Amino acid sequence: MNAKTPLEERYRVPGLRRGLLALEAFRADRASLSLSELGRAIGLSRSATYRLVYTLEEMGFVVRDPATKAYRLGARVLGLGYTWLASQELIEIARPQLERLRDVTNCSAHLAIREGADIVYVARIPDAKSLTSHIRVGSRLPAYATSMGRVMLAELPTDEVRALFAETTLQQVTAQTPTDIAALLRQCAADRSRGYVLSRGAYQPGVASVAAPVRDADGKVIAAINIATPEASPEAKDLATRIKDAVVETAEAISQWLGPKRPRTSRRAGSAAE
């Protein structure tokens, strides 16, 4: 990470940064945190953490359970999230296309963007099978291990991928996960040449997915979509053919709605990954 210049440091607001870090400490697997747990997560003393949390509670960003004395996110955070989602043209454009994709494939359909080394789910259209999954809108997952993250990483220059993961330990989620930069770059090259990713249990055992990139008017990849279905479902037999084509065509349709660009050939050819 590059060191901040004195001028850049001068404009920082440490209290605001600590408050945002406190909110980020809450995750799906730790939705409720004690005062001491919050303090450890953001590196503050108990008294400093109390003052910070008191302010967040007063504003409605966190709430305290009187019985357990633990804290959880408040409704005001959800309000900010919905305000952000509602402002995104991409989501408005993609939603009807994802609903159509869900109906055509009978698989859950999703949209994600990349934030650094992670992807963030910004839309989810569940299928009738009610696929059991911890994935929700707002879920943050490692890009290198997920189908949507992979199609977005595949479009980045090699040097940018190296820099992005230079200080990140690649955790092995499944046996298919790359665990070093060399393996990650090989995966990116294969995904780039194919133009889509077909994953069978690569992130979540028993779950298959197909992902394709979404591009803006300049042809830059700004998001990705995928479908997900149990590997044992009847639809899984069509992943490499009918469903893959539907995902690629839907990504192309969303891209076209985002603005005119040079015509591109739809990538239907290629062998399935993983």
Protein backbone atom coordinates (compact mmCIF):
# COMPACT_ATOMS: atom_id res chain seq x y z
CA MET A 1 0.00 0.00 0.00
CA ASN A 2 1.38 3.41 -0.95
CA ALA A 3 2.26 5.75 1.93
CA LYS A 4 0.09 8.84 2.26
CA THR A 5 1.69 12.24 1.74
CA PRO A 6 1.45 14.81 4.58
CA LEU A 7 -1.15 16.71 2.53
CA GLU A 8 -3.27 13.58 2.05
CA GLU A 9 -2.99 12.75 5.75
CA ARG A 10 -4.18 16.23 6.63
CA TYR A 11 -7.51 15.68 4.90
CA ARG A 12 -8.19 12.36 6.59
CA VAL A 13 -10.89 12.18 9.28
CA PRO A 14 -9.74 9.39 11.66
CA GLY A 15 -13.02 9.27 13.58
CA LEU A 16 -15.06 8.80 10.43
CA ARG A 17 -12.70 6.09 9.23
CA ARG A 18 -13.00 4.22 12.54
CA GLY A 19 -16.79 4.49 12.42
CA LEU A 20 -16.94 3.00 8.95
CA LEU A 21 -14.52 0.22 9.96
CA ALA A 22 -16.82 -0.56 12.87
CA LEU A 23 -19.79 -0.96 10.51
CA GLU A 24 -17.71 -3.16 8.20
CA ALA A 25 -16.85 -5.43 11.14
CA PHE A 26 -20.40 -6.84 11.00
CA ARG A 27 -20.68 -9.70 8.50
CA ALA A 28 -23.12 -12.47 7.67
CA ASP A 29 -21.21 -14.90 9.89
CA ARG A 30 -20.91 -12.40 12.77
CA ALA A 31 -24.06 -10.31 12.68
CA SER A 32 -23.89 -9.65 16.43
CA LEU A 33 -20.74 -8.35 18.17
CA SER A 34 -19.90 -7.45 21.75
CA LEU A 35 -18.16 -4.20 22.61
CA SER A 36 -14.85 -6.00 23.15
CA GLU A 37 -15.19 -7.87 19.83
CA LEU A 38 -15.80 -4.59 18.02
CA GLY A 39 -12.79 -3.05 19.74
CA ARG A 40 -10.54 -5.88 18.62
CA ALA A 41 -11.91 -5.69 15.07
CA ILE A 42 -11.05 -2.01 14.66
CA GLY A 43 -8.04 -1.83 17.01
CA LEU A 44 -9.42 0.51 19.69
CA SER A 45 -9.53 0.46 23.46
CA ARG A 46 -12.78 -0.42 25.20
CA SER A 47 -13.47 3.19 26.20
CA ALA A 48 -12.77 4.54 22.69
CA THR A 49 -14.92 1.81 21.16
CA TYR A 50 -17.77 2.64 23.55
CA ARG A 51 -17.76 6.30 22.51
CA LEU A 52 -17.74 5.33 18.86
CA VAL A 53 -20.54 2.79 19.21
CA TYR A 54 -22.58 5.16 21.37
CA THR A 55 -22.56 7.66 18.50
CA LEU A 56 -23.48 5.01 15.91
CA GLU A 57 -26.29 3.76 18.14
CA GLU A 58 -27.61 7.27 18.68
CA MET A 59 -27.79 7.73 14.90
CA GLY A 60 -29.48 4.37 14.32
CA PHE A 61 -26.58 2.68 12.50
CA VAL A 62 -26.25 0.03 15.23
CA VAL A 63 -28.65 -1.27 17.88
CA ARG A 64 -27.89 -2.91 21.23
CA ASP A 65 -29.59 -6.05 22.46
CA PRO A 66 -30.55 -5.38 26.12
CA ALA A 67 -30.37 -9.09 26.98
CA THR A 68 -26.98 -9.99 25.48
CA LYS A 69 -25.50 -6.45 25.50
CA ALA A 70 -24.22 -7.21 21.97
CA TYR A 71 -24.59 -4.89 18.98
CA ARG A 72 -25.93 -5.46 15.48
CA LEU A 73 -26.47 -3.25 12.45
CA GLY A 74 -29.45 -0.92 12.59
CA ALA A 75 -32.09 -0.15 9.98
CA ARG A 76 -30.37 3.08 8.95
CA VAL A 77 -27.57 1.06 7.32
CA LEU A 78 -30.18 -0.79 5.25
CA GLY A 79 -31.62 2.55 4.19
CA LEU A 80 -28.23 3.64 2.85
CA GLY A 81 -27.87 0.34 1.01
CA TYR A 82 -31.24 0.66 -0.68
CA THR A 83 -30.51 4.26 -1.60
CA TRP A 84 -27.29 3.15 -3.28
CA LEU A 85 -28.96 0.24 -5.06
CA ALA A 86 -31.81 2.42 -6.26
CA SER A 87 -29.33 4.89 -7.76
CA GLN A 88 -27.58 2.32 -9.89
CA GLU A 89 -28.57 2.34 -13.54
CA LEU A 90 -26.82 -0.98 -14.01
CA ILE A 91 -29.13 -2.74 -11.55
CA GLU A 92 -32.26 -1.21 -13.04
CA ILE A 93 -31.21 -2.34 -16.52
CA ALA A 94 -30.07 -5.78 -15.42
CA ARG A 95 -33.02 -6.80 -13.26
CA PRO A 96 -35.57 -7.57 -16.02
CA GLN A 97 -32.86 -9.35 -18.01
CA LEU A 98 -31.93 -11.45 -14.97
CA GLU A 99 -35.57 -12.29 -14.35
CA ARG A 100 -35.86 -13.46 -17.94
CA LEU A 101 -32.66 -15.49 -17.55
CA ARG A 102 -34.04 -17.10 -14.39
CA ASP A 103 -37.27 -18.01 -16.19
CA VAL A 104 -35.46 -19.45 -19.23
CA THR A 105 -32.94 -21.52 -17.25
CA ASN A 106 -34.90 -22.26 -14.05
CA CYS A 107 -31.75 -21.26 -12.16
CA SER A 108 -31.05 -18.45 -9.70
CA ALA A 109 -29.56 -15.41 -11.46
CA HIS A 110 -27.15 -12.89 -9.95
CA LEU A 111 -25.32 -9.65 -10.70
CA ALA A 112 -22.06 -8.61 -9.03
CA ILE A 113 -19.50 -5.83 -9.25
CA ARG A 114 -15.83 -5.98 -8.27
CA GLU A 115 -14.39 -3.98 -5.40
CA GLY A 116 -10.66 -4.59 -5.26
CA ALA A 117 -9.96 -8.28 -4.73
CA ASP A 118 -13.59 -9.06 -3.86
CA ILE A 119 -16.92 -9.19 -5.65
CA VAL A 120 -20.10 -7.76 -4.14
CA TYR A 121 -23.51 -9.17 -5.02
CA VAL A 122 -25.84 -6.31 -6.02
CA ALA A 123 -28.81 -8.26 -7.39
CA ARG A 124 -30.20 -11.76 -6.83
CA ILE A 125 -33.17 -13.33 -8.59
CA PRO A 126 -33.90 -16.66 -6.84
CA ASP A 127 -35.34 -19.62 -8.70
CA ALA A 128 -38.32 -21.77 -7.73
CA LYS A 129 -36.00 -24.44 -6.31
CA SER A 130 -35.03 -22.07 -3.49
CA LEU A 131 -31.37 -23.03 -3.83
CA THR A 132 -29.92 -23.24 -0.34
CA SER A 133 -27.14 -20.66 -0.20
CA HIS A 134 -25.65 -18.04 2.10
CA ILE A 135 -25.40 -15.64 -0.84
CA ARG A 136 -27.43 -12.47 -0.38
CA VAL A 137 -27.38 -8.99 -1.88
CA GLY A 138 -24.39 -7.31 -0.27
CA SER A 139 -22.44 -10.55 0.14
CA ARG A 140 -18.72 -10.07 -0.44
CA LEU A 141 -16.72 -13.01 -1.79
CA PRO A 142 -13.14 -13.48 -3.07
CA ALA A 143 -13.00 -12.72 -6.78
CA TYR A 144 -10.36 -15.34 -7.61
CA ALA A 145 -12.53 -18.19 -6.28
CA THR A 146 -15.93 -17.28 -7.74
CA SER A 147 -17.27 -17.55 -11.28
CA MET A 148 -18.32 -13.89 -11.56
CA GLY A 149 -15.07 -12.70 -10.01
CA ARG A 150 -13.09 -14.79 -12.43
CA VAL A 151 -14.70 -13.33 -15.56
CA MET A 152 -13.99 -9.84 -14.24
CA LEU A 153 -10.37 -10.60 -13.28
CA ALA A 154 -9.79 -12.23 -16.69
CA GLU A 155 -10.14 -8.85 -18.40
CA LEU A 156 -7.52 -7.11 -16.28
CA PRO A 157 -3.90 -6.68 -17.43
CA THR A 158 -1.51 -9.20 -15.87
CA ASP A 159 0.36 -6.50 -13.94
CA GLU A 160 -2.90 -5.27 -12.43
CA VAL A 161 -3.85 -8.77 -11.29
CA ARG A 162 -0.40 -9.18 -9.72
CA ALA A 163 -0.70 -5.85 -7.90
CA LEU A 164 -4.24 -6.60 -6.76
CA PHE A 165 -3.21 -9.81 -4.99
CA ALA A 166 0.38 -8.88 -4.09
CA GLU A 167 -0.46 -8.58 -0.39
CA THR A 168 -3.34 -11.09 -0.34
CA THR A 169 -3.08 -14.72 0.71
CA LEU A 170 -5.10 -16.82 -1.71
CA GLN A 171 -7.12 -19.06 0.59
CA GLN A 172 -8.03 -22.46 -0.81
CA VAL A 173 -11.83 -22.53 -0.77
CA THR A 174 -12.02 -25.84 -2.67
CA ALA A 175 -9.54 -28.08 -4.46
CA GLN A 176 -10.09 -26.00 -7.61
CA THR A 177 -9.04 -22.68 -6.04
CA PRO A 178 -5.72 -21.18 -7.21
CA THR A 179 -3.42 -20.68 -4.24
CA ASP A 180 -0.63 -18.62 -5.80
CA ILE A 181 -0.29 -15.83 -8.36
CA ALA A 182 1.07 -18.11 -11.09
CA ALA A 183 -1.94 -20.42 -10.85
CA LEU A 184 -4.28 -17.41 -10.72
CA LEU A 185 -2.76 -15.93 -13.89
CA ARG A 186 -3.12 -19.26 -15.70
CA GLN A 187 -6.76 -19.35 -14.65
CA CYS A 188 -7.27 -15.78 -15.88
CA ALA A 189 -5.73 -16.61 -19.27
CA ALA A 190 -7.98 -19.64 -19.73
CA ASP A 191 -11.08 -17.69 -18.66
CA ARG A 192 -10.18 -14.81 -20.97
CA SER A 193 -9.80 -17.05 -24.01
CA ARG A 194 -13.12 -18.73 -23.28
CA GLY A 195 -15.08 -15.55 -22.55
CA TYR A 196 -17.16 -17.11 -19.79
CA VAL A 197 -16.70 -19.37 -16.75
CA LEU A 198 -18.47 -22.65 -16.12
CA SER A 199 -17.90 -23.79 -12.55
CA ARG A 200 -18.90 -27.11 -11.00
CA GLY A 201 -18.49 -26.88 -7.26
CA ALA A 202 -15.51 -24.54 -7.56
CA TYR A 203 -16.69 -22.24 -4.76
CA GLN A 204 -19.57 -24.03 -3.09
CA PRO A 205 -19.54 -27.85 -3.22
CA GLY A 206 -22.60 -29.21 -4.97
CA VAL A 207 -23.41 -25.92 -6.68
CA ALA A 208 -22.70 -25.25 -10.36
CA SER A 209 -22.66 -21.86 -12.05
CA VAL A 210 -22.05 -20.14 -15.38
CA ALA A 211 -20.82 -16.53 -15.48
CA ALA A 212 -20.26 -13.94 -18.21
CA PRO A 213 -18.97 -10.34 -18.16
CA VAL A 214 -21.03 -7.16 -18.51
CA ARG A 215 -19.40 -4.29 -20.40
CA ASP A 216 -20.02 -0.55 -20.53
CA ALA A 217 -20.28 1.57 -23.68
CA ASP A 218 -16.49 1.55 -24.06
CA GLY A 219 -16.27 -2.23 -23.85
CA LYS A 220 -14.81 -2.21 -20.33
CA VAL A 221 -15.96 -4.98 -17.99
CA ILE A 222 -17.83 -3.32 -15.13
CA ALA A 223 -19.81 -6.25 -13.70
CA ALA A 224 -20.70 -9.88 -14.22
CA ILE A 225 -23.78 -12.07 -14.12
CA ASN A 226 -24.18 -15.74 -13.39
CA ILE A 227 -26.72 -18.47 -12.78
CA ALA A 228 -26.40 -21.01 -9.98
CA THR A 229 -28.05 -24.38 -9.58
CA PRO A 230 -27.46 -27.60 -7.63
CA GLU A 231 -25.20 -29.97 -9.55
CA ALA A 232 -27.85 -32.65 -9.03
CA SER A 233 -30.64 -30.56 -10.61
CA PRO A 234 -32.11 -31.50 -14.02
CA GLU A 235 -30.83 -28.19 -15.42
CA ALA A 236 -27.19 -29.05 -14.70
CA LYS A 237 -26.98 -31.31 -17.77
CA ASP A 238 -27.48 -28.22 -19.98
CA LEU A 239 -24.85 -26.02 -18.33
CA ALA A 240 -22.31 -26.24 -21.14
CA THR A 241 -24.87 -25.73 -23.92
CA ARG A 242 -28.28 -24.10 -23.61
CA ILE A 243 -27.72 -22.46 -20.22
CA LYS A 244 -24.23 -21.20 -21.07
CA ASP A 245 -25.59 -19.62 -24.26
CA ALA A 246 -28.44 -17.98 -22.32
CA VAL A 247 -26.03 -16.48 -19.77
CA VAL A 248 -23.66 -15.12 -22.44
CA GLU A 249 -26.56 -13.66 -24.45
CA THR A 250 -28.06 -12.04 -21.34
CA ALA A 251 -24.72 -10.43 -20.46
CA GLU A 252 -24.50 -9.15 -24.03
CA ALA A 253 -28.05 -7.77 -23.82
CA ILE A 254 -27.33 -5.91 -20.57
CA SER A 255 -24.13 -4.54 -22.10
CA GLN A 256 -26.02 -3.28 -25.13
CA TRP A 257 -28.55 -1.51 -22.91
CA LEU A 258 -25.70 0.28 -21.15
CA GLY A 259 -24.82 2.09 -24.36
CA PRO A 260 -23.87 1.59 -28.01
CA LYS A 261 -20.51 0.08 -28.74
CA ARG A 262 -18.64 -1.69 -31.49
CA PRO A 263 -20.33 -4.98 -32.45
CA ARG A 264 -18.74 -8.02 -30.86
CA THR A 265 -19.08 -11.69 -31.71
CA SER A 266 -21.02 -13.66 -29.10
CA ARG A 267 -18.73 -16.32 -27.63
CA ARG A 268 -20.56 -19.59 -27.75
CA ALA A 269 -17.63 -21.79 -28.67
CA GLY A 270 -15.17 -23.19 -26.18
CA SER A 271 -14.98 -26.02 -23.73
CA ALA A 272 -16.41 -25.88 -20.25
CA ALA A 273 -14.13 -25.01 -17.36
CA GLU A 274 -13.56 -27.00 -14.23
